[in-house]
């Protein structure tokens, strides 16, 4: 087995791990965005209800 192939395997493992981390971060970001969007929607609905009841 040559040194190059060991380096290739390590490099592939590293890239796979980075991909996992990136996907995890992306899921976290999407969850936050969804939470923010839901919060804004609730506020807009509340403001609309208050304005309509005046």
N, C-alpha and C. Protein backbone atom coordinates (compact mmCIF):
# COMPACT_ATOMS: atom_id res chain seq x y z
N UNK A 1 0.85 -1.19 0.00
CA UNK A 1 0.00 0.00 0.00
C UNK A 1 0.89 1.25 0.00
N UNK A 2 0.64 2.15 -0.90
CA UNK A 2 1.48 3.36 -0.98
C UNK A 2 0.97 4.44 -0.04
N UNK A 3 1.84 5.38 0.27
CA UNK A 3 1.49 6.46 1.18
C UNK A 3 0.36 7.33 0.61
N UNK A 4 0.36 7.51 -0.69
CA UNK A 4 -0.67 8.33 -1.34
C UNK A 4 -2.08 7.83 -1.06
N UNK A 5 -2.26 6.52 -1.11
CA UNK A 5 -3.60 5.97 -0.91
C UNK A 5 -4.07 6.16 0.53
N UNK A 6 -3.16 6.07 1.49
CA UNK A 6 -3.52 6.32 2.90
C UNK A 6 -3.94 7.77 3.06
N UNK A 7 -3.19 8.67 2.44
CA UNK A 7 -3.53 10.10 2.49
C UNK A 7 -4.89 10.34 1.84
N UNK A 8 -5.14 9.63 0.72
CA UNK A 8 -6.44 9.77 0.05
C UNK A 8 -7.58 9.34 0.95
N UNK A 9 -7.39 8.21 1.63
CA UNK A 9 -8.43 7.71 2.54
C UNK A 9 -8.68 8.71 3.66
N UNK A 10 -7.61 9.22 4.26
CA UNK A 10 -7.75 10.21 5.33
C UNK A 10 -8.45 11.46 4.83
N UNK A 11 -8.07 11.90 3.63
CA UNK A 11 -8.67 13.10 3.03
C UNK A 11 -10.17 12.89 2.81
N UNK A 12 -10.52 11.70 2.31
CA UNK A 12 -11.95 11.39 2.09
C UNK A 12 -12.71 11.38 3.40
N UNK A 13 -12.11 10.78 4.45
CA UNK A 13 -12.76 10.75 5.77
C UNK A 13 -12.98 12.17 6.28
N UNK A 14 -11.96 13.01 6.11
CA UNK A 14 -12.04 14.39 6.58
C UNK A 14 -13.16 15.14 5.85
N UNK A 15 -13.22 14.95 4.52
CA UNK A 15 -14.27 15.62 3.73
C UNK A 15 -15.66 15.14 4.13
N UNK A 16 -15.77 13.84 4.40
CA UNK A 16 -17.06 13.28 4.82
C UNK A 16 -17.49 13.91 6.14
N UNK A 17 -16.55 14.01 7.08
CA UNK A 17 -16.85 14.60 8.39
C UNK A 17 -17.25 16.07 8.24
N UNK A 18 -16.52 16.81 7.39
CA UNK A 18 -16.86 18.21 7.15
C UNK A 18 -18.26 18.33 6.57
N UNK A 19 -18.62 17.42 5.67
CA UNK A 19 -19.96 17.41 5.08
C UNK A 19 -21.02 17.18 6.14
N UNK A 20 -20.74 16.24 7.06
CA UNK A 20 -21.68 15.97 8.15
C UNK A 20 -21.87 17.21 9.00
N UNK A 21 -20.76 17.86 9.37
CA UNK A 21 -20.82 19.06 10.20
C UNK A 21 -21.60 20.16 9.49
N UNK A 22 -21.30 20.33 8.19
CA UNK A 22 -21.99 21.38 7.41
C UNK A 22 -23.49 21.12 7.37
N UNK A 23 -23.87 19.85 7.16
CA UNK A 23 -25.30 19.52 7.11
C UNK A 23 -25.97 19.76 8.45
N UNK A 24 -25.26 19.42 9.54
CA UNK A 24 -25.81 19.63 10.88
C UNK A 24 -26.04 21.12 11.12
N UNK A 25 -25.03 21.94 10.76
CA UNK A 25 -25.16 23.39 10.92
C UNK A 25 -26.31 23.93 10.08
N UNK A 26 -26.46 23.40 8.87
CA UNK A 26 -27.52 23.86 7.97
C UNK A 26 -28.90 23.53 8.56
N UNK A 27 -29.03 22.33 9.13
CA UNK A 27 -30.30 21.95 9.77
C UNK A 27 -30.62 22.90 10.91
N UNK A 28 -29.57 23.22 11.71
CA UNK A 28 -29.76 24.12 12.83
C UNK A 28 -30.22 25.50 12.35
N UNK A 29 -29.57 25.99 11.27
CA UNK A 29 -29.91 27.29 10.70
C UNK A 29 -31.35 27.29 10.18
N UNK A 30 -31.75 26.20 9.51
CA UNK A 30 -33.11 26.11 8.99
C UNK A 30 -34.12 26.11 10.13
N UNK A 31 -33.81 25.42 11.21
CA UNK A 31 -34.71 25.39 12.37
C UNK A 31 -34.89 26.79 12.93
N UNK A 32 -33.78 27.54 13.03
CA UNK A 32 -33.84 28.91 13.54
C UNK A 32 -34.67 29.79 12.60
N UNK A 33 -34.46 29.64 11.29
CA UNK A 33 -35.21 30.44 10.32
C UNK A 33 -36.70 30.14 10.42
N UNK A 34 -37.04 28.87 10.59
CA UNK A 34 -38.44 28.47 10.71
C UNK A 34 -39.06 29.08 11.96
N UNK A 35 -38.30 29.04 13.06
CA UNK A 35 -38.76 29.61 14.32
C UNK A 35 -38.98 31.11 14.18
N UNK A 36 -38.03 31.81 13.54
CA UNK A 36 -38.16 33.26 13.32
C UNK A 36 -39.37 33.57 12.47
N UNK A 37 -39.55 32.82 11.38
CA UNK A 37 -40.68 33.04 10.48
C UNK A 37 -41.99 32.84 11.22
N UNK A 38 -42.07 31.80 12.04
CA UNK A 38 -43.29 31.53 12.82
C UNK A 38 -43.56 32.67 13.80
N UNK A 39 -42.50 33.16 14.44
CA UNK A 39 -42.63 34.28 15.38
C UNK A 39 -43.15 35.52 14.68
N UNK A 40 -42.59 35.84 13.52
CA UNK A 40 -43.04 37.01 12.77
C UNK A 40 -44.50 36.86 12.36
N UNK A 41 -44.87 35.66 11.94
CA UNK A 41 -46.25 35.39 11.51
C UNK A 41 -47.22 35.61 12.67
N UNK A 42 -46.86 35.13 13.86
CA UNK A 42 -47.71 35.30 15.04
C UNK A 42 -47.86 36.78 15.36
N UNK A 43 -46.76 37.54 15.29
CA UNK A 43 -46.81 38.98 15.58
C UNK A 43 -47.70 39.68 14.57
N UNK A 44 -47.54 39.36 13.29
CA UNK A 44 -48.36 40.00 12.24
C UNK A 44 -49.84 39.70 12.45
N UNK A 45 -50.16 38.44 12.78
CA UNK A 45 -51.56 38.07 13.03
C UNK A 45 -52.10 38.82 14.24
N UNK A 46 -51.30 38.91 15.31
CA UNK A 46 -51.72 39.62 16.52
C UNK A 46 -51.99 41.09 16.20
N UNK A 47 -51.10 41.73 15.45
CA UNK A 47 -51.27 43.14 15.08
C UNK A 47 -52.54 43.31 14.24
N UNK A 48 -52.76 42.40 13.30
CA UNK A 48 -53.96 42.46 12.45
C UNK A 48 -55.22 42.34 13.29
N UNK A 49 -55.24 41.42 14.25
CA UNK A 49 -56.41 41.23 15.12
C UNK A 49 -56.65 42.48 15.95
N UNK A 50 -55.59 43.06 16.49
CA UNK A 50 -55.71 44.28 17.31
C UNK A 50 -56.25 45.43 16.46
N UNK A 51 -55.71 45.60 15.25
CA UNK A 51 -56.16 46.68 14.37
C UNK A 51 -57.62 46.48 13.95
N UNK A 52 -58.01 45.23 13.69
CA UNK A 52 -59.39 44.97 13.28
C UNK A 52 -60.38 45.17 14.43
N UNK A 53 -59.92 44.99 15.66
CA UNK A 53 -60.82 45.13 16.80
C UNK A 53 -60.98 46.58 17.25
N UNK A 54 -60.21 47.50 16.67
CA UNK A 54 -60.33 48.92 17.04
C UNK A 54 -61.55 49.57 16.41
